[in-house]
């Protein structure tokens, strides 16, 4: 599993780590070691597609294409303002969301060249993406309250779904339901977890948190029937549940849980701890039963994971 470590904004100290679960071994700073140059400023996310790794470096305005076996750069996508996530609606196309550009950038993934932009019609930023059929769903995190719907065949924004303020995280379960969590702090209201029918573009269920809670990092297990998220503690809930769980899956350690992932093969849970955002962060690994398996240091502010399968 790859771990993108954000570093500190403006410090040019983002890094990439790689952990082998079978050997319980970690390699840090693999990008600079393989390429002789820094990764850049704020490594936001990473995605694998057709044997290539795409590392999105937010404040550097670049997406590095790497060989996931050697970690060497094979290409770079430039010309984006503040890239956040990359998604591949088909084999030859990539969509890149942006924090400051009110458009999704469309890239020819064969040449890594930009071939167009999709206007978001007044929505100022875009974040994570999931796909159901020809529809790509996109959450608007920065001072917005919508899940946007893009028709991938026509490359056009066609609809939106209203949720609470600042939806972060977006996943699609095995039953065709979208899940997002909203941040109520900007509006002084409780945060909420939403279940949305992807086929009908309708909100089916709203799970409200306590006022002052700050849930984030919604993830799914490999069979996509169980949700995990961070809300100080780490929580777990079946997607068929009708109420939020009463007890956490993993209790808070008086630190800063910042990133989360679930091994798609065996259900192990990985929690990234940013500690103080200044020193190397720690990643804790647990079984699906909550038993500690391993822990290791990554780079500064480990935030996102990308599984190599």
C-alpha atoms as a PDB file:
ATOM      1  CA  UNK A   1       0.000   0.000   0.000  1.00  0.00           C
ATOM      2  CA  UNK A   2       1.241   3.484  -0.906  1.00  0.00           C
ATOM      3  CA  UNK A   3       0.882   6.288   1.647  1.00  0.00           C
ATOM      4  CA  UNK A   4       0.831   9.888   0.454  1.00  0.00           C
ATOM      5  CA  UNK A   5       2.291  12.149   3.112  1.00  0.00           C
ATOM      6  CA  UNK A   6       1.137  15.731   2.710  1.00  0.00           C
ATOM      7  CA  UNK A   7       4.014  17.440   4.465  1.00  0.00           C
ATOM      8  CA  UNK A   8       3.363  21.079   5.406  1.00  0.00           C
ATOM      9  CA  UNK A   9       1.730  23.651   3.159  1.00  0.00           C
ATOM     10  CA  UNK A  10       4.418  25.783   1.530  1.00  0.00           C
ATOM     11  CA  UNK A  11       7.307  23.706   2.848  1.00  0.00           C
ATOM     12  CA  UNK A  12       7.867  21.496  -0.231  1.00  0.00           C
ATOM     13  CA  UNK A  13       8.236  18.440   2.018  1.00  0.00           C
ATOM     14  CA  UNK A  14       5.562  16.059   0.729  1.00  0.00           C
ATOM     15  CA  UNK A  15       6.669  12.449   0.404  1.00  0.00           C
ATOM     16  CA  UNK A  16       5.552   8.982  -0.633  1.00  0.00           C
ATOM     17  CA  UNK A  17       5.870   5.829   1.481  1.00  0.00           C
ATOM     18  CA  UNK A  18       5.309   2.171   0.595  1.00  0.00           C
ATOM     19  CA  UNK A  19       4.348  -0.551   3.078  1.00  0.00           C
ATOM     20  CA  UNK A  20       4.418  -4.307   2.463  1.00  0.00           C
ATOM     21  CA  UNK A  21       1.805  -5.923   4.767  1.00  0.00           C
ATOM     22  CA  UNK A  22       3.180  -9.455   4.348  1.00  0.00           C
ATOM     23  CA  UNK A  23       6.745  -8.485   5.287  1.00  0.00           C
ATOM     24  CA  UNK A  24       5.628  -5.735   7.694  1.00  0.00           C
ATOM     25  CA  UNK A  25       8.251  -3.480   6.135  1.00  0.00           C
ATOM     26  CA  UNK A  26       8.057   0.167   5.128  1.00  0.00           C
ATOM     27  CA  UNK A  27      10.079   2.268   2.701  1.00  0.00           C
ATOM     28  CA  UNK A  28       9.883   6.036   3.162  1.00  0.00           C
ATOM     29  CA  UNK A  29      10.831   8.871   0.805  1.00  0.00           C
ATOM     30  CA  UNK A  30      10.558   6.498  -2.158  1.00  0.00           C
ATOM     31  CA  UNK A  31       9.835   9.258  -4.688  1.00  0.00           C
ATOM     32  CA  UNK A  32      12.969  11.309  -4.070  1.00  0.00           C
ATOM     33  CA  UNK A  33      15.094   8.173  -3.747  1.00  0.00           C
ATOM     34  CA  UNK A  34      13.874   6.840  -7.103  1.00  0.00           C
ATOM     35  CA  UNK A  35      13.874  10.111  -9.015  1.00  0.00           C
ATOM     36  CA  UNK A  36      16.445  12.375  -7.405  1.00  0.00           C
ATOM     37  CA  UNK A  37      13.910  15.176  -6.933  1.00  0.00           C
ATOM     38  CA  UNK A  38      11.358  16.169  -4.343  1.00  0.00           C
ATOM     39  CA  UNK A  39       7.735  15.172  -4.720  1.00  0.00           C
ATOM     40  CA  UNK A  40       6.605  18.763  -4.083  1.00  0.00           C
ATOM     41  CA  UNK A  41       4.136  20.637  -1.910  1.00  0.00           C
ATOM     42  CA  UNK A  42       1.175  18.763  -0.350  1.00  0.00           C
ATOM     43  CA  UNK A  43       0.707  15.220  -1.691  1.00  0.00           C
ATOM     44  CA  UNK A  44      -3.083  14.976  -1.663  1.00  0.00           C
ATOM     45  CA  UNK A  45      -3.959  11.554  -3.112  1.00  0.00           C
ATOM     46  CA  UNK A  46      -2.854   8.656  -5.298  1.00  0.00           C
ATOM     47  CA  UNK A  47      -4.678   6.356  -7.717  1.00  0.00           C
ATOM     48  CA  UNK A  48      -3.578   3.306  -9.721  1.00  0.00           C
ATOM     49  CA  UNK A  49      -4.864   2.831 -13.272  1.00  0.00           C
ATOM     50  CA  UNK A  50      -3.774   0.377 -15.974  1.00  0.00           C
ATOM     51  CA  UNK A  51      -0.426  -0.334 -14.358  1.00  0.00           C
ATOM     52  CA  UNK A  52       0.484   3.269 -13.611  1.00  0.00           C
ATOM     53  CA  UNK A  53       0.391   5.278 -10.402  1.00  0.00           C
ATOM     54  CA  UNK A  54      -0.907   8.846 -10.361  1.00  0.00           C
ATOM     55  CA  UNK A  55       0.277  10.985  -7.452  1.00  0.00           C
ATOM     56  CA  UNK A  56      -1.672  14.235  -7.093  1.00  0.00           C
ATOM     57  CA  UNK A  57       0.427  17.037  -5.594  1.00  0.00           C
ATOM     58  CA  UNK A  58      -1.981  19.795  -4.684  1.00  0.00           C
ATOM     59  CA  UNK A  59      -0.030  22.991  -4.084  1.00  0.00           C
ATOM     60  CA  UNK A  60       2.540  22.117  -6.757  1.00  0.00           C
ATOM     61  CA  UNK A  61      -0.230  21.943  -9.371  1.00  0.00           C
ATOM     62  CA  UNK A  62       0.991  18.642 -10.774  1.00  0.00           C
ATOM     63  CA  UNK A  63       0.102  14.974 -11.101  1.00  0.00           C
ATOM     64  CA  UNK A  64       3.120  12.679 -11.352  1.00  0.00           C
ATOM     65  CA  UNK A  65       2.709   9.436 -13.261  1.00  0.00           C
ATOM     66  CA  UNK A  66       4.958   6.734 -11.807  1.00  0.00           C
ATOM     67  CA  UNK A  67       5.817   3.089 -12.348  1.00  0.00           C
ATOM     68  CA  UNK A  68       4.382   1.436  -9.204  1.00  0.00           C
ATOM     69  CA  UNK A  69       7.157  -1.180  -9.238  1.00  0.00           C
ATOM     70  CA  UNK A  70      10.173   1.128  -9.509  1.00  0.00           C
ATOM     71  CA  UNK A  71       8.572   4.392  -8.275  1.00  0.00           C
ATOM     72  CA  UNK A  72      10.197   6.169 -11.250  1.00  0.00           C
ATOM     73  CA  UNK A  73       8.386   9.037 -12.965  1.00  0.00           C
ATOM     74  CA  UNK A  74       7.134   8.163 -16.441  1.00  0.00           C
ATOM     75  CA  UNK A  75       5.098  11.295 -17.082  1.00  0.00           C
ATOM     76  CA  UNK A  76       3.585  14.395 -15.549  1.00  0.00           C
ATOM     77  CA  UNK A  77       0.248  16.183 -15.951  1.00  0.00           C
ATOM     78  CA  UNK A  78       0.569  19.946 -15.618  1.00  0.00           C
ATOM     79  CA  UNK A  79      -1.686  22.920 -16.278  1.00  0.00           C
ATOM     80  CA  UNK A  80      -4.016  22.339 -13.310  1.00  0.00           C
ATOM     81  CA  UNK A  81      -4.388  24.961 -10.586  1.00  0.00           C
ATOM     82  CA  UNK A  82      -4.808  23.049  -7.321  1.00  0.00           C
ATOM     83  CA  UNK A  83      -5.459  19.360  -8.116  1.00  0.00           C
ATOM     84  CA  UNK A  84      -7.094  17.154  -5.489  1.00  0.00           C
ATOM     85  CA  UNK A  85      -8.134  13.764  -6.925  1.00  0.00           C
ATOM     86  CA  UNK A  86      -7.938  11.876 -10.204  1.00  0.00           C
ATOM     87  CA  UNK A  87     -10.555   9.473 -11.584  1.00  0.00           C
ATOM     88  CA  UNK A  88     -10.704   7.450 -14.806  1.00  0.00           C
ATOM     89  CA  UNK A  89     -14.221   7.301 -16.306  1.00  0.00           C
ATOM     90  CA  UNK A  90     -12.866   5.112 -19.112  1.00  0.00           C
ATOM     91  CA  UNK A  91      -9.563   3.647 -20.300  1.00  0.00           C
ATOM     92  CA  UNK A  92      -8.393   6.743 -22.178  1.00  0.00           C
ATOM     93  CA  UNK A  93      -9.685   9.605 -20.027  1.00  0.00           C
ATOM     94  CA  UNK A  94      -8.842  11.069 -16.641  1.00  0.00           C
ATOM     95  CA  UNK A  95     -10.792  13.635 -14.625  1.00  0.00           C
ATOM     96  CA  UNK A  96      -8.908  15.854 -12.168  1.00  0.00           C
ATOM     97  CA  UNK A  97     -10.777  17.825  -9.510  1.00  0.00           C
ATOM     98  CA  UNK A  98      -9.547  21.170  -8.257  1.00  0.00           C
ATOM     99  CA  UNK A  99      -9.762  23.235  -5.091  1.00  0.00           C
ATOM    100  CA  UNK A 100      -9.580  26.632  -6.800  1.00  0.00           C
ATOM    101  CA  UNK A 101     -10.587  26.052 -10.435  1.00  0.00           C
ATOM    102  CA  UNK A 102     -14.391  25.829 -10.883  1.00  0.00           C
ATOM    103  CA  UNK A 103     -13.914  23.172 -13.560  1.00  0.00           C
ATOM    104  CA  UNK A 104     -12.927  19.524 -13.764  1.00  0.00           C
ATOM    105  CA  UNK A 105      -9.878  19.068 -15.970  1.00  0.00           C
ATOM    106  CA  UNK A 106     -10.177  16.366 -18.659  1.00  0.00           C
ATOM    107  CA  UNK A 107      -6.946  14.597 -19.605  1.00  0.00           C
ATOM    108  CA  UNK A 108      -6.082  12.113 -22.352  1.00  0.00           C
ATOM    109  CA  UNK A 109      -4.515   9.420 -20.179  1.00  0.00           C
ATOM    110  CA  UNK A 110      -2.524   8.024 -23.136  1.00  0.00           C
ATOM    111  CA  UNK A 111      -0.568  11.251 -23.620  1.00  0.00           C
ATOM    112  CA  UNK A 112      -1.079  12.956 -20.213  1.00  0.00           C
ATOM    113  CA  UNK A 113      -2.239  16.057 -22.102  1.00  0.00           C
ATOM    114  CA  UNK A 114      -5.224  18.184 -21.123  1.00  0.00           C
ATOM    115  CA  UNK A 115      -7.953  18.015 -23.755  1.00  0.00           C
ATOM    116  CA  UNK A 116     -10.749  19.957 -22.091  1.00  0.00           C
ATOM    117  CA  UNK A 117     -12.503  21.256 -18.981  1.00  0.00           C
ATOM    118  CA  UNK A 118     -15.967  20.628 -17.579  1.00  0.00           C
ATOM    119  CA  UNK A 119     -17.502  23.801 -16.054  1.00  0.00           C
ATOM    120  CA  UNK A 120     -19.179  23.321 -12.683  1.00  0.00           C
ATOM    121  CA  UNK A 121     -21.687  26.138 -13.223  1.00  0.00           C
ATOM    122  CA  UNK A 122     -20.930  28.291 -10.200  1.00  0.00           C
ATOM    123  CA  UNK A 123     -19.544  25.597  -7.889  1.00  0.00           C
ATOM    124  CA  UNK A 124     -16.079  26.810  -6.982  1.00  0.00           C
ATOM    125  CA  UNK A 125     -14.323  23.581  -6.095  1.00  0.00           C
ATOM    126  CA  UNK A 126     -14.503  19.821  -6.565  1.00  0.00           C
ATOM    127  CA  UNK A 127     -13.118  16.932  -4.532  1.00  0.00           C
ATOM    128  CA  UNK A 128     -13.563  13.157  -4.586  1.00  0.00           C
ATOM    129  CA  UNK A 129     -15.228  11.186  -7.387  1.00  0.00           C
ATOM    130  CA  UNK A 130     -17.039   7.858  -7.698  1.00  0.00           C
ATOM    131  CA  UNK A 131     -18.799   6.413 -10.721  1.00  0.00           C
ATOM    132  CA  UNK A 132     -22.112   4.626 -11.225  1.00  0.00           C
ATOM    133  CA  UNK A 133     -22.741   3.733 -14.881  1.00  0.00           C
ATOM    134  CA  UNK A 134     -22.107   6.848 -16.975  1.00  0.00           C
ATOM    135  CA  UNK A 135     -22.561   9.195 -14.011  1.00  0.00           C
ATOM    136  CA  UNK A 136     -19.554  10.501 -12.105  1.00  0.00           C
ATOM    137  CA  UNK A 137     -20.509  11.887  -8.695  1.00  0.00           C
ATOM    138  CA  UNK A 138     -18.348  14.656  -7.262  1.00  0.00           C
ATOM    139  CA  UNK A 139     -18.477  16.246  -3.823  1.00  0.00           C
ATOM    140  CA  UNK A 140     -18.046  20.019  -3.387  1.00  0.00           C
ATOM    141  CA  UNK A 141     -16.231  20.454  -0.114  1.00  0.00           C
ATOM    142  CA  UNK A 142     -15.155  24.106   0.070  1.00  0.00           C
ATOM    143  CA  UNK A 143     -18.118  26.190   1.327  1.00  0.00           C
ATOM    144  CA  UNK A 144     -20.653  24.219  -0.718  1.00  0.00           C
ATOM    145  CA  UNK A 145     -23.421  21.716   0.016  1.00  0.00           C
ATOM    146  CA  UNK A 146     -23.780  19.655  -3.144  1.00  0.00           C
ATOM    147  CA  UNK A 147     -22.891  16.330  -4.669  1.00  0.00           C
ATOM    148  CA  UNK A 148     -22.550  17.096  -8.387  1.00  0.00           C
ATOM    149  CA  UNK A 149     -23.487  14.679 -11.159  1.00  0.00           C
ATOM    150  CA  UNK A 150     -21.379  14.642 -14.333  1.00  0.00           C
ATOM    151  CA  UNK A 151     -22.453  12.700 -17.420  1.00  0.00           C
ATOM    152  CA  UNK A 152     -19.198  11.032 -18.464  1.00  0.00           C
ATOM    153  CA  UNK A 153     -20.479  10.237 -21.969  1.00  0.00           C
ATOM    154  CA  UNK A 154     -21.251  13.904 -22.688  1.00  0.00           C
ATOM    155  CA  UNK A 155     -18.675  15.340 -20.252  1.00  0.00           C
ATOM    156  CA  UNK A 156     -21.268  17.742 -18.887  1.00  0.00           C
ATOM    157  CA  UNK A 157     -22.581  18.649 -15.448  1.00  0.00           C
ATOM    158  CA  UNK A 158     -26.180  17.421 -15.511  1.00  0.00           C
ATOM    159  CA  UNK A 159     -27.506  17.532 -11.933  1.00  0.00           C
ATOM    160  CA  UNK A 160     -26.736  18.071  -8.259  1.00  0.00           C
ATOM    161  CA  UNK A 161     -27.854  16.578  -4.950  1.00  0.00           C
ATOM    162  CA  UNK A 162     -28.184  18.827  -1.909  1.00  0.00           C
ATOM    163  CA  UNK A 163     -26.709  17.596   1.364  1.00  0.00           C
ATOM    164  CA  UNK A 164     -25.337  19.416   4.400  1.00  0.00           C
ATOM    165  CA  UNK A 165     -22.501  21.971   4.415  1.00  0.00           C
ATOM    166  CA  UNK A 166     -19.079  20.974   3.118  1.00  0.00           C
ATOM    167  CA  UNK A 167     -19.424  17.284   2.175  1.00  0.00           C
ATOM    168  CA  UNK A 168     -16.097  15.482   2.507  1.00  0.00           C
ATOM    169  CA  UNK A 169     -15.397  11.876   1.547  1.00  0.00           C
ATOM    170  CA  UNK A 170     -17.407  10.049  -1.095  1.00  0.00           C
ATOM    171  CA  UNK A 171     -17.740   6.272  -1.475  1.00  0.00           C
ATOM    172  CA  UNK A 172     -20.067   3.914  -3.340  1.00  0.00           C
ATOM    173  CA  UNK A 173     -21.212   0.719  -1.603  1.00  0.00           C
ATOM    174  CA  UNK A 174     -22.078  -2.619  -3.200  1.00  0.00           C
ATOM    175  CA  UNK A 175     -25.785  -1.758  -3.327  1.00  0.00           C
ATOM    176  CA  UNK A 176     -25.405   1.383  -5.434  1.00  0.00           C
ATOM    177  CA  UNK A 177     -25.594   3.804  -2.520  1.00  0.00           C
ATOM    178  CA  UNK A 178     -23.362   6.841  -2.192  1.00  0.00           C
ATOM    179  CA  UNK A 179     -22.092   7.848   1.230  1.00  0.00           C
ATOM    180  CA  UNK A 180     -20.754  11.247   2.239  1.00  0.00           C
ATOM    181  CA  UNK A 181     -20.206  13.044   5.521  1.00  0.00           C
ATOM    182  CA  UNK A 182     -20.786  16.753   6.027  1.00  0.00           C
ATOM    183  CA  UNK A 183     -19.143  19.322   8.263  1.00  0.00           C
ATOM    184  CA  UNK A 184     -21.684  21.330  10.236  1.00  0.00           C
ATOM    185  CA  UNK A 185     -19.164  23.706  11.830  1.00  0.00           C
ATOM    186  CA  UNK A 186     -19.439  26.402   9.172  1.00  0.00           C
ATOM    187  CA  UNK A 187     -23.202  26.607   9.696  1.00  0.00           C
ATOM    188  CA  UNK A 188     -23.279  25.872  13.433  1.00  0.00           C
ATOM    189  CA  UNK A 189     -25.324  22.713  12.922  1.00  0.00           C
ATOM    190  CA  UNK A 190     -24.558  19.019  13.570  1.00  0.00           C
ATOM    191  CA  UNK A 191     -22.476  17.113  11.041  1.00  0.00           C
ATOM    192  CA  UNK A 192     -24.246  14.265   9.262  1.00  0.00           C
ATOM    193  CA  UNK A 193     -23.625  11.067   7.338  1.00  0.00           C
ATOM    194  CA  UNK A 194     -25.748  10.750   4.184  1.00  0.00           C
ATOM    195  CA  UNK A 195     -26.862   7.717   2.178  1.00  0.00           C
ATOM    196  CA  UNK A 196     -27.802   8.580  -1.400  1.00  0.00           C
ATOM    197  CA  UNK A 197     -29.380   6.408  -4.098  1.00  0.00           C
ATOM    198  CA  UNK A 198     -26.996   6.693  -7.064  1.00  0.00           C
ATOM    199  CA  UNK A 199     -29.622   5.637  -9.593  1.00  0.00           C
ATOM    200  CA  UNK A 200     -32.247   8.165  -8.468  1.00  0.00           C
ATOM    201  CA  UNK A 201     -30.043  11.031  -7.225  1.00  0.00           C
ATOM    202  CA  UNK A 202     -32.028  11.132  -3.979  1.00  0.00           C
ATOM    203  CA  UNK A 203     -31.016  11.267  -0.308  1.00  0.00           C
ATOM    204  CA  UNK A 204     -32.366   8.139   1.424  1.00  0.00           C
ATOM    205  CA  UNK A 205     -31.053   8.583   4.927  1.00  0.00           C
ATOM    206  CA  UNK A 206     -29.408  11.212   7.110  1.00  0.00           C
ATOM    207  CA  UNK A 207     -27.521  10.128  10.237  1.00  0.00           C
ATOM    208  CA  UNK A 208     -26.948  13.154  12.487  1.00  0.00           C
ATOM    209  CA  UNK A 209     -23.963  13.438  14.807  1.00  0.00           C
ATOM    210  CA  UNK A 210     -23.736  15.406  18.028  1.00  0.00           C
ATOM    211  CA  UNK A 211     -23.142  19.136  17.707  1.00  0.00           C
ATOM    212  CA  UNK A 212     -19.388  19.667  17.768  1.00  0.00           C
ATOM    213  CA  UNK A 213     -18.514  16.280  16.239  1.00  0.00           C
ATOM    214  CA  UNK A 214     -16.243  16.405  13.215  1.00  0.00           C
ATOM    215  CA  UNK A 215     -16.460  13.141  11.231  1.00  0.00           C
ATOM    216  CA  UNK A 216     -14.169  12.564   8.244  1.00  0.00           C
ATOM    217  CA  UNK A 217     -12.384   9.963   6.131  1.00  0.00           C
ATOM    218  CA  UNK A 218     -15.335   7.705   5.252  1.00  0.00           C
ATOM    219  CA  UNK A 219     -14.025   4.427   3.830  1.00  0.00           C
ATOM    220  CA  UNK A 220     -15.408   1.024   2.781  1.00  0.00           C
ATOM    221  CA  UNK A 221     -14.066  -2.472   3.306  1.00  0.00           C
ATOM    222  CA  UNK A 222     -13.220  -4.717   0.339  1.00  0.00           C
ATOM    223  CA  UNK A 223     -16.721  -6.160   0.015  1.00  0.00           C
ATOM    224  CA  UNK A 224     -18.146  -2.627   0.239  1.00  0.00           C
ATOM    225  CA  UNK A 225     -20.739  -3.532   2.842  1.00  0.00           C
ATOM    226  CA  UNK A 226     -19.165  -1.889   5.902  1.00  0.00           C
ATOM    227  CA  UNK A 227     -18.340   1.779   6.473  1.00  0.00           C
ATOM    228  CA  UNK A 228     -15.465   3.147   8.528  1.00  0.00           C
ATOM    229  CA  UNK A 229     -14.783   6.766   9.471  1.00  0.00           C
ATOM    230  CA  UNK A 230     -12.878   8.970  11.909  1.00  0.00           C
ATOM    231  CA  UNK A 231     -14.704  11.043  14.501  1.00  0.00           C
ATOM    232  CA  UNK A 232     -12.000  11.453  17.111  1.00  0.00           C
ATOM    233  CA  UNK A 233     -12.244   7.644  17.550  1.00  0.00           C
ATOM    234  CA  UNK A 234     -12.470   5.246  14.592  1.00  0.00           C
ATOM    235  CA  UNK A 235     -16.021   4.019  13.947  1.00  0.00           C
ATOM    236  CA  UNK A 236     -17.522   1.166  11.953  1.00  0.00           C
ATOM    237  CA  UNK A 237     -21.057   0.512  10.701  1.00  0.00           C
ATOM    238  CA  UNK A 238     -22.730  -1.907   8.265  1.00  0.00           C
ATOM    239  CA  UNK A 239     -24.171  -0.082   5.257  1.00  0.00           C
ATOM    240  CA  UNK A 240     -27.549  -1.661   6.078  1.00  0.00           C
ATOM    241  CA  UNK A 241     -27.628  -0.082   9.564  1.00  0.00           C
ATOM    242  CA  UNK A 242     -30.431   2.309  10.459  1.00  0.00           C
ATOM    243  CA  UNK A 243     -28.633   4.191  13.230  1.00  0.00           C
ATOM    244  CA  UNK A 244     -25.109   5.224  14.126  1.00  0.00           C
ATOM    245  CA  UNK A 245     -23.086   2.841  16.301  1.00  0.00           C
ATOM    246  CA  UNK A 246     -23.039   3.410  20.060  1.00  0.00           C
ATOM    247  CA  UNK A 247     -19.392   2.435  20.600  1.00  0.00           C
ATOM    248  CA  UNK A 248     -16.262   3.088  18.543  1.00  0.00           C
ATOM    249  CA  UNK A 249     -14.301   0.402  16.736  1.00  0.00           C
ATOM    250  CA  UNK A 250     -10.971   1.885  17.871  1.00  0.00           C
ATOM    251  CA  UNK A 251     -10.712   4.348  20.720  1.00  0.00           C
ATOM    252  CA  UNK A 252      -9.000   7.714  20.547  1.00  0.00           C
ATOM    253  CA  UNK A 253      -5.339   7.819  21.622  1.00  0.00           C
ATOM    254  CA  UNK A 254      -5.058  11.501  22.614  1.00  0.00           C
ATOM    255  CA  UNK A 255      -3.456  12.297  19.267  1.00  0.00           C
ATOM    256  CA  UNK A 256      -4.554  13.175  15.710  1.00  0.00           C
ATOM    257  CA  UNK A 257      -6.088  10.417  13.610  1.00  0.00           C
ATOM    258  CA  UNK A 258      -5.845  11.890  10.133  1.00  0.00           C
ATOM    259  CA  UNK A 259      -6.073   9.152   7.493  1.00  0.00           C
ATOM    260  CA  UNK A 260      -7.862   5.814   7.218  1.00  0.00           C
ATOM    261  CA  UNK A 261      -8.018   2.816   4.908  1.00  0.00           C
ATOM    262  CA  UNK A 262      -9.143  -0.823   4.943  1.00  0.00           C
ATOM    263  CA  UNK A 263      -7.187  -3.645   3.295  1.00  0.00           C
ATOM    264  CA  UNK A 264      -9.514  -4.784   0.468  1.00  0.00           C
ATOM    265  CA  UNK A 265      -8.355  -8.399   0.822  1.00  0.00           C
ATOM    266  CA  UNK A 266      -8.309  -9.186   4.548  1.00  0.00           C
ATOM    267  CA  UNK A 267     -10.123  -6.270   6.197  1.00  0.00           C
ATOM    268  CA  UNK A 268      -7.175  -4.962   8.205  1.00  0.00           C
ATOM    269  CA  UNK A 269      -7.660  -1.338   9.232  1.00  0.00           C
ATOM    270  CA  UNK A 270      -4.897   1.256   8.892  1.00  0.00           C
ATOM    271  CA  UNK A 271      -5.053   4.544  10.792  1.00  0.00           C
ATOM    272  CA  UNK A 272      -2.650   7.381  10.004  1.00  0.00           C
ATOM    273  CA  UNK A 273      -1.675   9.553  12.967  1.00  0.00           C
ATOM    274  CA  UNK A 274      -0.418  13.051  12.091  1.00  0.00           C
ATOM    275  CA  UNK A 275       0.735  13.590  15.730  1.00  0.00           C
ATOM    276  CA  UNK A 276       1.622  17.308  15.577  1.00  0.00           C
ATOM    277  CA  UNK A 277       1.904  17.834  11.787  1.00  0.00           C
ATOM    278  CA  UNK A 278       5.614  18.584  12.230  1.00  0.00           C
ATOM    279  CA  UNK A 279       7.320  15.249  12.795  1.00  0.00           C
ATOM    280  CA  UNK A 280       7.001  11.929  10.988  1.00  0.00           C
ATOM    281  CA  UNK A 281       3.509  10.494  11.370  1.00  0.00           C
ATOM    282  CA  UNK A 282       2.691   6.953  12.488  1.00  0.00           C
ATOM    283  CA  UNK A 283       0.453   4.407  10.777  1.00  0.00           C
ATOM    284  CA  UNK A 284      -1.275   1.869  13.036  1.00  0.00           C
ATOM    285  CA  UNK A 285      -2.498  -1.441  11.612  1.00  0.00           C
ATOM    286  CA  UNK A 286      -5.309  -3.499  13.179  1.00  0.00           C
ATOM    287  CA  UNK A 287      -7.192  -6.645  12.266  1.00  0.00           C
ATOM    288  CA  UNK A 288     -10.895  -6.489  11.434  1.00  0.00           C
ATOM    289  CA  UNK A 289     -11.454  -7.545  15.059  1.00  0.00           C
ATOM    290  CA  UNK A 290      -9.533  -4.512  16.336  1.00  0.00           C
ATOM    291  CA  UNK A 291      -6.358  -6.341  17.397  1.00  0.00           C
ATOM    292  CA  UNK A 292      -3.088  -4.444  16.942  1.00  0.00           C
ATOM    293  CA  UNK A 293      -0.846  -5.954  14.247  1.00  0.00           C
ATOM    294  CA  UNK A 294       1.863  -3.424  13.448  1.00  0.00           C
ATOM    295  CA  UNK A 295       2.823   0.249  13.520  1.00  0.00           C
ATOM    296  CA  UNK A 296       5.389   2.180  11.531  1.00  0.00           C
ATOM    297  CA  UNK A 297       6.619   5.701  10.823  1.00  0.00           C
ATOM    298  CA  UNK A 298       5.765   7.319   7.488  1.00  0.00           C
ATOM    299  CA  UNK A 299       6.397  10.895   6.326  1.00  0.00           C
ATOM    300  CA  UNK A 300       5.060  14.168   7.717  1.00  0.00           C
ATOM    301  CA  UNK A 301       1.235  14.231   7.825  1.00  0.00           C
ATOM    302  CA  UNK A 302       0.336  10.861   6.286  1.00  0.00           C
ATOM    303  CA  UNK A 303      -3.125  11.363   4.851  1.00  0.00           C
ATOM    304  CA  UNK A 304      -4.169   9.017   2.043  1.00  0.00           C
ATOM    305  CA  UNK A 305      -3.613   5.414   0.998  1.00  0.00           C
ATOM    306  CA  UNK A 306      -3.524   3.628  -2.361  1.00  0.00           C
ATOM    307  CA  UNK A 307      -3.657  -0.167  -2.516  1.00  0.00           C
ATOM    308  CA  UNK A 308      -1.467  -2.013  -5.003  1.00  0.00           C
ATOM    309  CA  UNK A 309      -3.288  -5.211  -5.973  1.00  0.00           C
END
